[in-house]
Amino acid sequence: MARRSKTGGSLLLFAALLLLSGTATAGGHMSLQAGGFVPFQGDAGPTVLLQLLGSNASAKARFGGEFEYRGFDSTIMGVRNVDVDSYAIRAVWQQHFMPDAPVTPYIGLGIGVSINDVDASKVDRAYGRNVRHATGAGPDGVFMLGIQAKIPGLDFMSIFGEGRVGFSYDFSGRADKSATVETENFGGASGSGGIRFRF
């Protein structure tokens, strides 16, 4: 599945993430993770996340923000296998139940917005005219469940695995000057693993 470069959009959302995550300057945690995303409708693709969280005194509750890229195929306006590049930015809360233990489970919630770039040309070809704008946006939220393990001898570093399920809606105006607003469901589930640094 061919992917298009969206460097400008990525940089814009990354800058917003850094502003959102200003709380992560003390007792902070930075995570990098990658895995697979399976949409509720469509075909699976990759997901990559960067997360910055600050913690309370006990390090159990953590708050901050994250940026996620998801690439997948979806059904749009009845047209199947349309490429989608989705960029989400969220405020995030996590609860780590045993932060001082070698292995600890955690849960979390994230809420934010996603900006979605779709292969509108494929939709237009199916309809025989220009009907779909390439870019849309909408609300996005996730529930996460994970387990984290410390790396022996490296107190500042840990590895983790995480599962997520969430909603993501895309709203886009019609390119054919219709007053209709198209709504797509880009929600789904994902599994990923990564590395987390404490600073």
N, C-alpha and C. Protein backbone atom coordinates (compact mmCIF):
# COMPACT_ATOMS: atom_id res chain seq x y z
N MET A 1 0.85 -1.19 0.00
CA MET A 1 0.00 0.00 0.00
C MET A 1 0.88 1.23 0.00
N ALA A 2 0.84 2.01 -1.05
CA ALA A 2 1.72 3.17 -1.17
C ALA A 2 1.32 4.24 -0.18
N ARG A 3 2.31 4.87 0.44
CA ARG A 3 2.08 5.92 1.41
C ARG A 3 2.65 7.22 0.87
N ARG A 4 1.97 8.32 1.15
CA ARG A 4 2.42 9.62 0.72
C ARG A 4 3.08 10.33 1.88
N SER A 5 4.11 11.13 1.61
CA SER A 5 4.83 11.87 2.65
C SER A 5 3.97 13.03 3.13
N LYS A 6 3.82 13.14 4.47
CA LYS A 6 3.04 14.22 5.08
C LYS A 6 3.90 14.93 6.11
N THR A 7 5.10 15.33 5.71
CA THR A 7 6.04 15.92 6.65
C THR A 7 5.49 17.18 7.30
N GLY A 8 4.86 18.03 6.51
CA GLY A 8 4.34 19.28 7.07
C GLY A 8 3.30 19.03 8.14
N GLY A 9 2.35 18.13 7.88
CA GLY A 9 1.34 17.83 8.88
C GLY A 9 1.93 17.19 10.12
N SER A 10 2.92 16.33 9.93
CA SER A 10 3.55 15.68 11.07
C SER A 10 4.24 16.70 11.96
N LEU A 11 4.96 17.65 11.36
CA LEU A 11 5.66 18.66 12.15
C LEU A 11 4.68 19.55 12.90
N LEU A 12 3.57 19.90 12.26
CA LEU A 12 2.57 20.73 12.91
C LEU A 12 1.99 20.04 14.14
N LEU A 13 1.64 18.79 14.00
CA LEU A 13 1.06 18.06 15.12
C LEU A 13 2.11 17.78 16.20
N PHE A 14 3.35 17.54 15.79
CA PHE A 14 4.41 17.32 16.77
C PHE A 14 4.64 18.57 17.61
N ALA A 15 4.59 19.74 16.98
CA ALA A 15 4.74 20.99 17.73
C ALA A 15 3.60 21.16 18.73
N ALA A 16 2.38 20.82 18.30
CA ALA A 16 1.25 20.92 19.21
C ALA A 16 1.40 19.95 20.37
N LEU A 17 1.93 18.76 20.11
CA LEU A 17 2.16 17.78 21.16
C LEU A 17 3.13 18.32 22.21
N LEU A 18 4.19 18.96 21.77
CA LEU A 18 5.17 19.49 22.70
C LEU A 18 4.54 20.55 23.60
N LEU A 19 3.66 21.39 23.04
CA LEU A 19 2.98 22.39 23.84
C LEU A 19 2.04 21.73 24.84
N LEU A 20 1.31 20.72 24.39
CA LEU A 20 0.37 20.01 25.23
C LEU A 20 1.06 19.30 26.37
N SER A 21 2.30 18.86 26.15
CA SER A 21 2.99 18.03 27.12
C SER A 21 3.96 18.81 28.00
N GLY A 22 3.68 20.08 28.22
CA GLY A 22 4.54 20.88 29.07
C GLY A 22 4.62 20.37 30.50
N THR A 23 3.62 19.60 30.94
CA THR A 23 3.63 19.06 32.30
C THR A 23 4.68 17.97 32.47
N ALA A 24 5.25 17.49 31.37
CA ALA A 24 6.17 16.35 31.45
C ALA A 24 7.61 16.78 31.66
N THR A 25 7.84 17.97 32.23
CA THR A 25 9.20 18.44 32.43
C THR A 25 9.78 17.96 33.75
N ALA A 26 8.94 17.52 34.69
CA ALA A 26 9.42 17.01 35.98
C ALA A 26 8.77 15.66 36.22
N GLY A 27 9.58 14.68 36.64
CA GLY A 27 9.05 13.33 36.80
C GLY A 27 8.49 12.83 35.50
N GLY A 28 9.18 13.14 34.41
CA GLY A 28 8.63 12.87 33.10
C GLY A 28 8.95 11.48 32.56
N HIS A 29 8.14 11.07 31.59
CA HIS A 29 8.30 9.79 30.91
C HIS A 29 8.08 10.01 29.42
N MET A 30 9.03 9.57 28.62
CA MET A 30 8.91 9.64 27.17
C MET A 30 8.86 8.24 26.60
N SER A 31 7.88 7.98 25.74
CA SER A 31 7.70 6.65 25.15
C SER A 31 7.73 6.73 23.64
N LEU A 32 8.35 5.73 23.04
CA LEU A 32 8.33 5.52 21.60
C LEU A 32 7.80 4.11 21.36
N GLN A 33 6.80 3.97 20.51
CA GLN A 33 6.23 2.64 20.28
C GLN A 33 5.75 2.50 18.84
N ALA A 34 5.66 1.25 18.39
CA ALA A 34 5.21 0.96 17.04
C ALA A 34 4.49 -0.38 17.04
N GLY A 35 3.58 -0.54 16.10
CA GLY A 35 2.83 -1.79 16.02
C GLY A 35 1.88 -1.77 14.84
N GLY A 36 0.75 -2.44 15.00
CA GLY A 36 -0.24 -2.54 13.94
C GLY A 36 -1.59 -2.01 14.36
N PHE A 37 -2.29 -1.39 13.43
CA PHE A 37 -3.63 -0.84 13.67
C PHE A 37 -4.62 -1.55 12.76
N VAL A 38 -5.73 -2.01 13.35
CA VAL A 38 -6.79 -2.69 12.59
C VAL A 38 -8.05 -1.86 12.68
N PRO A 39 -8.47 -1.19 11.61
CA PRO A 39 -9.69 -0.38 11.66
C PRO A 39 -10.93 -1.26 11.75
N PHE A 40 -12.01 -0.68 12.27
CA PHE A 40 -13.27 -1.42 12.34
C PHE A 40 -13.78 -1.76 10.95
N GLN A 41 -13.47 -0.93 9.97
CA GLN A 41 -13.81 -1.24 8.58
C GLN A 41 -12.60 -0.93 7.71
N GLY A 42 -12.10 -1.94 7.04
CA GLY A 42 -10.92 -1.74 6.20
C GLY A 42 -9.82 -2.73 6.54
N ASP A 43 -8.62 -2.44 6.04
CA ASP A 43 -7.46 -3.32 6.19
C ASP A 43 -6.41 -2.69 7.10
N ALA A 44 -5.70 -3.56 7.81
CA ALA A 44 -4.73 -3.13 8.81
C ALA A 44 -3.53 -2.41 8.19
N GLY A 45 -2.85 -1.65 9.05
CA GLY A 45 -1.64 -0.95 8.65
C GLY A 45 -0.82 -0.59 9.87
N PRO A 46 0.26 0.16 9.69
CA PRO A 46 1.17 0.47 10.80
C PRO A 46 0.66 1.60 11.68
N THR A 47 1.14 1.60 12.92
CA THR A 47 0.93 2.71 13.84
C THR A 47 2.25 3.03 14.53
N VAL A 48 2.53 4.31 14.71
CA VAL A 48 3.74 4.78 15.38
C VAL A 48 3.33 5.89 16.33
N LEU A 49 3.85 5.85 17.58
CA LEU A 49 3.46 6.83 18.59
C LEU A 49 4.67 7.43 19.29
N LEU A 50 4.53 8.69 19.65
CA LEU A 50 5.45 9.39 20.55
C LEU A 50 4.61 9.96 21.67
N GLN A 51 5.03 9.71 22.92
CA GLN A 51 4.23 10.12 24.08
C GLN A 51 5.13 10.78 25.12
N LEU A 52 4.64 11.86 25.72
CA LEU A 52 5.34 12.57 26.79
C LEU A 52 4.37 12.76 27.95
N LEU A 53 4.73 12.22 29.12
CA LEU A 53 3.86 12.29 30.29
C LEU A 53 4.64 12.78 31.50
N GLY A 54 3.96 13.56 32.34
CA GLY A 54 4.48 13.89 33.66
C GLY A 54 3.75 13.06 34.69
N SER A 55 4.31 12.91 35.89
CA SER A 55 3.70 12.05 36.90
C SER A 55 3.54 12.78 38.22
N ASN A 56 2.64 12.25 39.08
CA ASN A 56 2.50 12.78 40.43
C ASN A 56 3.62 12.23 41.30
N ALA A 57 3.59 12.55 42.61
CA ALA A 57 4.68 12.17 43.52
C ALA A 57 4.87 10.66 43.60
N SER A 58 3.78 9.90 43.52
CA SER A 58 3.87 8.44 43.62
C SER A 58 4.24 7.78 42.30
N ALA A 59 4.20 8.54 41.21
CA ALA A 59 4.45 8.05 39.85
C ALA A 59 3.37 7.10 39.36
N LYS A 60 2.27 6.99 40.09
CA LYS A 60 1.18 6.11 39.65
C LYS A 60 0.33 6.80 38.58
N ALA A 61 -0.08 8.04 38.83
CA ALA A 61 -0.90 8.79 37.87
C ALA A 61 0.00 9.62 36.97
N ARG A 62 -0.25 9.55 35.67
CA ARG A 62 0.58 10.25 34.70
C ARG A 62 -0.32 10.99 33.71
N PHE A 63 0.09 12.20 33.37
CA PHE A 63 -0.70 13.05 32.49
C PHE A 63 0.21 13.70 31.45
N GLY A 64 -0.31 13.92 30.26
CA GLY A 64 0.48 14.57 29.23
C GLY A 64 -0.18 14.48 27.88
N GLY A 65 0.60 14.18 26.87
CA GLY A 65 0.06 14.13 25.52
C GLY A 65 0.82 13.16 24.64
N GLU A 66 0.24 12.89 23.47
CA GLU A 66 0.88 11.98 22.53
C GLU A 66 0.51 12.35 21.11
N PHE A 67 1.36 11.91 20.21
CA PHE A 67 1.12 12.03 18.77
C PHE A 67 1.15 10.63 18.17
N GLU A 68 0.17 10.31 17.34
CA GLU A 68 0.12 8.99 16.70
C GLU A 68 -0.10 9.12 15.20
N TYR A 69 0.66 8.34 14.45
CA TYR A 69 0.41 8.18 13.02
C TYR A 69 -0.17 6.78 12.78
N ARG A 70 -1.22 6.71 11.97
CA ARG A 70 -1.80 5.43 11.56
C ARG A 70 -1.98 5.44 10.05
N GLY A 71 -1.57 4.36 9.41
CA GLY A 71 -1.78 4.20 7.98
C GLY A 71 -2.59 2.93 7.74
N PHE A 72 -3.68 3.04 6.98
CA PHE A 72 -4.56 1.89 6.78
C PHE A 72 -5.42 2.11 5.55
N ASP A 73 -6.16 1.08 5.16
CA ASP A 73 -7.16 1.18 4.10
C ASP A 73 -8.54 1.20 4.73
N SER A 74 -9.47 1.96 4.13
CA SER A 74 -10.82 2.02 4.65
C SER A 74 -11.82 2.11 3.51
N THR A 75 -13.09 1.95 3.84
CA THR A 75 -14.17 2.14 2.88
C THR A 75 -14.70 3.56 3.05
N ILE A 76 -14.64 4.36 1.98
CA ILE A 76 -15.03 5.76 2.03
C ILE A 76 -16.06 6.03 0.95
N MET A 77 -17.23 6.50 1.36
CA MET A 77 -18.33 6.77 0.43
C MET A 77 -18.65 5.54 -0.42
N GLY A 78 -18.53 4.37 0.21
CA GLY A 78 -18.84 3.12 -0.46
C GLY A 78 -17.71 2.56 -1.31
N VAL A 79 -16.59 3.26 -1.40
CA VAL A 79 -15.45 2.81 -2.19
C VAL A 79 -14.47 2.10 -1.27
N ARG A 80 -14.14 0.86 -1.58
CA ARG A 80 -13.29 0.06 -0.72
C ARG A 80 -11.80 0.28 -1.00
N ASN A 81 -10.99 -0.07 0.03
CA ASN A 81 -9.52 -0.05 -0.09
C ASN A 81 -8.96 1.32 -0.47
N VAL A 82 -9.45 2.34 0.20
CA VAL A 82 -8.94 3.70 0.00
C VAL A 82 -7.85 3.96 1.05
N ASP A 83 -6.68 4.42 0.59
CA ASP A 83 -5.57 4.72 1.50
C ASP A 83 -5.93 5.87 2.43
N VAL A 84 -5.59 5.70 3.72
CA VAL A 84 -5.81 6.76 4.71
C VAL A 84 -4.53 6.95 5.52
N ASP A 85 -4.08 8.18 5.66
CA ASP A 85 -3.02 8.56 6.58
C ASP A 85 -3.66 9.40 7.67
N SER A 86 -3.61 8.94 8.91
CA SER A 86 -4.28 9.61 10.02
C SER A 86 -3.25 10.07 11.04
N TYR A 87 -3.38 11.35 11.47
CA TYR A 87 -2.48 11.94 12.46
C TYR A 87 -3.31 12.40 13.64
N ALA A 88 -3.09 11.81 14.79
CA ALA A 88 -3.89 12.12 15.98
C ALA A 88 -3.02 12.76 17.06
N ILE A 89 -3.58 13.74 17.74
CA ILE A 89 -2.95 14.32 18.91
C ILE A 89 -3.95 14.25 20.06
N ARG A 90 -3.48 13.77 21.22
CA ARG A 90 -4.38 13.52 22.33
C ARG A 90 -3.80 13.98 23.66
N ALA A 91 -4.68 14.37 24.56
CA ALA A 91 -4.33 14.47 25.97
C ALA A 91 -4.49 13.08 26.56
N VAL A 92 -3.56 12.67 27.43
CA VAL A 92 -3.51 11.29 27.90
C VAL A 92 -3.41 11.24 29.42
N TRP A 93 -4.14 10.31 30.00
CA TRP A 93 -4.01 9.93 31.42
C TRP A 93 -3.69 8.45 31.49
N GLN A 94 -2.73 8.08 32.37
CA GLN A 94 -2.43 6.67 32.64
C GLN A 94 -2.36 6.45 34.15
N GLN A 95 -2.74 5.25 34.56
CA GLN A 95 -2.61 4.83 35.96
C GLN A 95 -1.74 3.57 36.00
N HIS A 96 -0.54 3.71 36.58
CA HIS A 96 0.39 2.58 36.75
C HIS A 96 0.24 2.06 38.17
N PHE A 97 -0.15 0.79 38.30
CA PHE A 97 -0.57 0.28 39.60
C PHE A 97 0.60 0.00 40.54
N MET A 98 1.73 -0.43 40.02
CA MET A 98 2.90 -0.74 40.86
C MET A 98 4.16 -0.18 40.21
N PRO A 99 4.33 1.14 40.20
CA PRO A 99 5.43 1.75 39.44
C PRO A 99 6.82 1.36 39.93
N ASP A 100 6.96 0.92 41.18
CA ASP A 100 8.27 0.55 41.70
C ASP A 100 8.60 -0.93 41.48
N ALA A 101 7.63 -1.70 41.03
CA ALA A 101 7.83 -3.14 40.83
C ALA A 101 8.56 -3.39 39.50
N PRO A 102 9.23 -4.54 39.38
CA PRO A 102 9.91 -4.86 38.11
C PRO A 102 8.95 -4.90 36.92
N VAL A 103 7.72 -5.37 37.19
CA VAL A 103 6.70 -5.45 36.14
C VAL A 103 5.41 -4.84 36.69
N THR A 104 4.78 -3.98 35.94
CA THR A 104 3.54 -3.35 36.40
C THR A 104 2.52 -3.24 35.27
N PRO A 105 1.26 -3.54 35.55
CA PRO A 105 0.22 -3.28 34.56
C PRO A 105 -0.24 -1.82 34.66
N TYR A 106 -0.86 -1.33 33.60
CA TYR A 106 -1.41 0.02 33.63
C TYR A 106 -2.60 0.13 32.68
N ILE A 107 -3.42 1.12 32.95
CA ILE A 107 -4.55 1.44 32.08
C ILE A 107 -4.46 2.92 31.73
N GLY A 108 -5.19 3.34 30.73
CA GLY A 108 -5.15 4.74 30.37
C GLY A 108 -6.27 5.14 29.42
N LEU A 109 -6.43 6.44 29.29
CA LEU A 109 -7.41 7.04 28.39
C LEU A 109 -6.75 8.17 27.63
N GLY A 110 -7.17 8.38 26.40
CA GLY A 110 -6.70 9.50 25.61
C GLY A 110 -7.85 10.11 24.84
N ILE A 111 -7.87 11.44 24.75
CA ILE A 111 -8.92 12.12 24.01
C ILE A 111 -8.30 13.27 23.23
N GLY A 112 -8.71 13.43 21.99
CA GLY A 112 -8.13 14.50 21.18
C GLY A 112 -8.81 14.60 19.83
N VAL A 113 -8.01 14.94 18.83
CA VAL A 113 -8.52 15.10 17.46
C VAL A 113 -7.58 14.39 16.49
N SER A 114 -8.11 14.02 15.35
CA SER A 114 -7.29 13.44 14.29
C SER A 114 -7.50 14.23 13.01
N ILE A 115 -6.42 14.37 12.25
CA ILE A 115 -6.46 14.96 10.92
C ILE A 115 -6.16 13.83 9.94
N ASN A 116 -7.04 13.65 8.98
CA ASN A 116 -6.97 12.48 8.10
C ASN A 116 -6.81 12.90 6.65
N ASP A 117 -5.85 12.28 5.99
CA ASP A 117 -5.61 12.53 4.58
C ASP A 117 -5.93 11.24 3.81
N VAL A 118 -6.91 11.30 2.92
CA VAL A 118 -7.34 10.11 2.19
C VAL A 118 -7.00 10.25 0.71
N ASP A 119 -6.94 9.12 0.04
CA ASP A 119 -6.70 9.10 -1.41
C ASP A 119 -8.01 9.44 -2.11
N ALA A 120 -8.34 10.74 -2.13
CA ALA A 120 -9.61 11.18 -2.69
C ALA A 120 -9.70 10.88 -4.19
N SER A 121 -8.57 10.77 -4.86
CA SER A 121 -8.61 10.52 -6.30
C SER A 121 -9.24 9.16 -6.61
N LYS A 122 -9.05 8.19 -5.72
CA LYS A 122 -9.67 6.87 -5.94
C LYS A 122 -11.19 6.96 -5.80
N VAL A 123 -11.65 7.74 -4.83
CA VAL A 123 -13.10 7.95 -4.67
C VAL A 123 -13.66 8.69 -5.88
N ASP A 124 -12.94 9.72 -6.32
CA ASP A 124 -13.40 10.50 -7.47
C ASP A 124 -13.50 9.64 -8.72
N ARG A 125 -12.52 8.75 -8.92
CA ARG A 125 -12.56 7.88 -10.11
C ARG A 125 -13.76 6.95 -10.05
N ALA A 126 -14.08 6.46 -8.86
CA ALA A 126 -15.23 5.55 -8.73
C ALA A 126 -16.55 6.25 -9.05
N TYR A 127 -16.64 7.54 -8.70
CA TYR A 127 -17.87 8.31 -8.95
C TYR A 127 -17.87 8.98 -10.32
N GLY A 128 -16.70 9.05 -10.95
CA GLY A 128 -16.62 9.68 -12.25
C GLY A 128 -16.60 11.19 -12.21
N ARG A 129 -16.39 11.76 -11.02
CA ARG A 129 -16.32 13.22 -10.90
C ARG A 129 -15.65 13.55 -9.56
N ASN A 130 -15.33 14.81 -9.37
CA ASN A 130 -14.67 15.26 -8.15
C ASN A 130 -15.70 15.39 -7.02
N VAL A 131 -15.68 14.46 -6.03
CA VAL A 131 -16.71 14.47 -5.00
C VAL A 131 -16.16 14.54 -3.57
N ARG A 132 -14.90 14.24 -3.36
CA ARG A 132 -14.39 14.10 -1.98
C ARG A 132 -13.15 14.94 -1.77
N HIS A 133 -13.17 15.77 -0.72
CA HIS A 133 -11.95 16.48 -0.33
C HIS A 133 -10.96 15.48 0.26
N ALA A 134 -9.68 15.74 0.06
CA ALA A 134 -8.66 14.80 0.52
C ALA A 134 -8.46 14.85 2.03
N THR A 135 -8.73 15.98 2.67
CA THR A 135 -8.44 16.14 4.09
C THR A 135 -9.70 16.34 4.90
N GLY A 136 -9.78 15.64 6.02
CA GLY A 136 -10.87 15.81 6.96
C GLY A 136 -10.33 15.74 8.38
N ALA A 137 -11.20 15.94 9.35
CA ALA A 137 -10.77 15.91 10.75
C ALA A 137 -11.97 15.56 11.62
N GLY A 138 -11.68 15.17 12.86
CA GLY A 138 -12.76 14.84 13.77
C GLY A 138 -12.25 14.40 15.12
N PRO A 139 -13.16 14.10 16.05
CA PRO A 139 -12.76 13.68 17.40
C PRO A 139 -12.16 12.28 17.40
N ASP A 140 -11.30 12.05 18.38
CA ASP A 140 -10.55 10.80 18.46
C ASP A 140 -10.33 10.46 19.93
N GLY A 141 -10.54 9.21 20.31
CA GLY A 141 -10.30 8.80 21.69
C GLY A 141 -9.92 7.34 21.78
N VAL A 142 -9.15 6.98 22.82
CA VAL A 142 -8.68 5.60 22.98
C VAL A 142 -8.74 5.18 24.44
N PHE A 143 -8.91 3.88 24.64
CA PHE A 143 -8.69 3.22 25.93
C PHE A 143 -7.50 2.30 25.75
N MET A 144 -6.58 2.33 26.70
CA MET A 144 -5.37 1.52 26.57
C MET A 144 -5.16 0.62 27.79
N LEU A 145 -4.59 -0.54 27.57
CA LEU A 145 -4.25 -1.51 28.61
C LEU A 145 -2.87 -2.04 28.28
N GLY A 146 -1.94 -1.91 29.25
CA GLY A 146 -0.58 -2.31 28.95
C GLY A 146 0.13 -2.94 30.12
N ILE A 147 1.33 -3.44 29.86
CA ILE A 147 2.19 -3.98 30.90
C ILE A 147 3.62 -3.51 30.62
N GLN A 148 4.28 -3.04 31.67
CA GLN A 148 5.61 -2.46 31.55
C GLN A 148 6.61 -3.25 32.40
N ALA A 149 7.79 -3.46 31.86
CA ALA A 149 8.85 -4.20 32.58
C ALA A 149 10.13 -3.36 32.58
N LYS A 150 10.73 -3.21 33.76
CA LYS A 150 11.98 -2.48 33.86
C LYS A 150 13.12 -3.30 33.27
N ILE A 151 14.11 -2.60 32.73
CA ILE A 151 15.30 -3.25 32.21
C ILE A 151 16.34 -3.31 33.33
N PRO A 152 16.78 -4.51 33.74
CA PRO A 152 17.74 -4.63 34.85
C PRO A 152 19.01 -3.80 34.59
N GLY A 153 19.41 -3.04 35.61
CA GLY A 153 20.60 -2.23 35.51
C GLY A 153 20.41 -0.89 34.84
N LEU A 154 19.22 -0.65 34.30
CA LEU A 154 18.91 0.63 33.64
C LEU A 154 17.62 1.17 34.25
N ASP A 155 17.76 1.83 35.40
CA ASP A 155 16.58 2.29 36.13
C ASP A 155 15.75 3.30 35.35
N PHE A 156 16.36 3.98 34.41
CA PHE A 156 15.66 5.04 33.68
C PHE A 156 14.94 4.51 32.43
N MET A 157 15.01 3.20 32.17
CA MET A 157 14.50 2.67 30.92
C MET A 157 13.65 1.43 31.17
N SER A 158 12.57 1.28 30.41
CA SER A 158 11.72 0.09 30.50
C SER A 158 11.15 -0.21 29.13
N ILE A 159 10.67 -1.45 28.98
CA ILE A 159 9.98 -1.85 27.76
C ILE A 159 8.52 -2.14 28.11
N PHE A 160 7.65 -2.09 27.11
CA PHE A 160 6.24 -2.30 27.39
C PHE A 160 5.51 -2.81 26.15
N GLY A 161 4.37 -3.46 26.42
CA GLY A 161 3.45 -3.86 25.37
C GLY A 161 2.09 -3.27 25.70
N GLU A 162 1.35 -2.91 24.68
CA GLU A 162 0.11 -2.17 24.91
C GLU A 162 -0.95 -2.51 23.86
N GLY A 163 -2.18 -2.67 24.33
CA GLY A 163 -3.32 -2.84 23.44
C GLY A 163 -4.26 -1.66 23.58
N ARG A 164 -4.87 -1.28 22.47
CA ARG A 164 -5.76 -0.11 22.47
C ARG A 164 -7.01 -0.41 21.66
N VAL A 165 -8.10 0.26 22.03
CA VAL A 165 -9.31 0.28 21.22
C VAL A 165 -9.88 1.68 21.32
N GLY A 166 -10.41 2.19 20.22
CA GLY A 166 -10.88 3.57 20.28
C GLY A 166 -11.78 3.96 19.13
N PHE A 167 -12.28 5.20 19.24
CA PHE A 167 -13.13 5.77 18.20
C PHE A 167 -12.35 6.86 17.48
N SER A 168 -12.70 7.10 16.26
CA SER A 168 -12.13 8.19 15.47
C SER A 168 -13.08 8.48 14.33
N TYR A 169 -13.58 9.71 14.29
CA TYR A 169 -14.53 10.08 13.24
C TYR A 169 -13.93 11.16 12.35
N ASP A 170 -14.22 11.07 11.08
CA ASP A 170 -13.71 12.01 10.09
C ASP A 170 -14.88 12.74 9.45
N PHE A 171 -14.82 14.07 9.49
CA PHE A 171 -15.83 14.90 8.85
C PHE A 171 -15.17 15.69 7.72
N SER A 172 -15.77 15.63 6.54
CA SER A 172 -15.19 16.30 5.38
C SER A 172 -16.32 16.80 4.48
N GLY A 173 -16.14 18.02 3.97
CA GLY A 173 -17.11 18.55 3.03
C GLY A 173 -16.97 17.91 1.66
N ARG A 174 -18.04 18.00 0.88
CA ARG A 174 -18.01 17.47 -0.48
C ARG A 174 -17.29 18.44 -1.41
N ALA A 175 -16.52 17.89 -2.35
CA ALA A 175 -15.79 18.71 -3.32
C ALA A 175 -16.67 19.13 -4.49
N ASP A 176 -17.88 18.57 -4.59
CA ASP A 176 -18.76 18.90 -5.71
C ASP A 176 -19.75 20.02 -5.36
N LYS A 177 -19.41 20.82 -4.33
CA LYS A 177 -20.20 21.98 -3.89
C LYS A 177 -21.54 21.58 -3.30
N SER A 178 -21.67 20.31 -2.96
CA SER A 178 -22.86 19.88 -2.24
C SER A 178 -22.76 20.34 -0.79
N ALA A 179 -23.90 20.56 -0.15
CA ALA A 179 -23.90 20.98 1.26
C ALA A 179 -23.70 19.80 2.20
N THR A 180 -23.56 18.60 1.64
CA THR A 180 -23.42 17.40 2.45
C THR A 180 -22.05 17.34 3.13
N VAL A 181 -22.06 16.94 4.40
CA VAL A 181 -20.81 16.67 5.12
C VAL A 181 -20.68 15.15 5.24
N GLU A 182 -19.60 14.61 4.69
CA GLU A 182 -19.37 13.17 4.74
C GLU A 182 -18.75 12.80 6.09
N THR A 183 -19.26 11.73 6.69
CA THR A 183 -18.77 11.24 7.98
C THR A 183 -18.27 9.82 7.82
N GLU A 184 -17.04 9.57 8.26
CA GLU A 184 -16.45 8.25 8.17
C GLU A 184 -16.00 7.80 9.57
N ASN A 185 -16.10 6.49 9.80
CA ASN A 185 -15.65 5.90 11.06
C ASN A 185 -14.26 5.30 10.86
N PHE A 186 -13.24 5.94 11.43
CA PHE A 186 -11.87 5.46 11.32
C PHE A 186 -11.38 4.84 12.64
N GLY A 187 -12.30 4.47 13.52
CA GLY A 187 -11.91 3.83 14.77
C GLY A 187 -11.41 2.42 14.55
N GLY A 188 -10.80 1.84 15.61
CA GLY A 188 -10.29 0.49 15.49
C GLY A 188 -9.51 0.08 16.72
N ALA A 189 -8.72 -0.95 16.57
CA ALA A 189 -7.92 -1.50 17.68
C ALA A 189 -6.48 -1.63 17.22
N SER A 190 -5.56 -1.60 18.19
CA SER A 190 -4.15 -1.71 17.85
C SER A 190 -3.39 -2.47 18.93
N GLY A 191 -2.27 -3.02 18.54
CA GLY A 191 -1.33 -3.63 19.45
C GLY A 191 0.06 -3.13 19.13
N SER A 192 0.83 -2.78 20.15
CA SER A 192 2.15 -2.21 19.90
C SER A 192 3.08 -2.49 21.06
N GLY A 193 4.35 -2.28 20.83
CA GLY A 193 5.37 -2.41 21.85
C GLY A 193 6.35 -1.26 21.71
N GLY A 194 7.06 -0.99 22.80
CA GLY A 194 7.98 0.12 22.71
C GLY A 194 8.91 0.22 23.89
N ILE A 195 9.57 1.36 23.96
CA ILE A 195 10.54 1.64 25.01
C ILE A 195 10.16 2.95 25.68
N ARG A 196 10.34 2.99 26.99
CA ARG A 196 9.95 4.17 27.78
C ARG A 196 11.15 4.64 28.60
N PHE A 197 11.38 5.95 28.58
CA PHE A 197 12.48 6.56 29.31
C PHE A 197 11.92 7.45 30.44
N ARG A 198 12.56 7.41 31.60
CA ARG A 198 12.20 8.29 32.71
C ARG A 198 13.27 9.37 32.83
N PHE A 199 12.82 10.62 33.01
CA PHE A 199 13.78 11.71 33.13
C PHE A 199 13.34 12.68 34.23
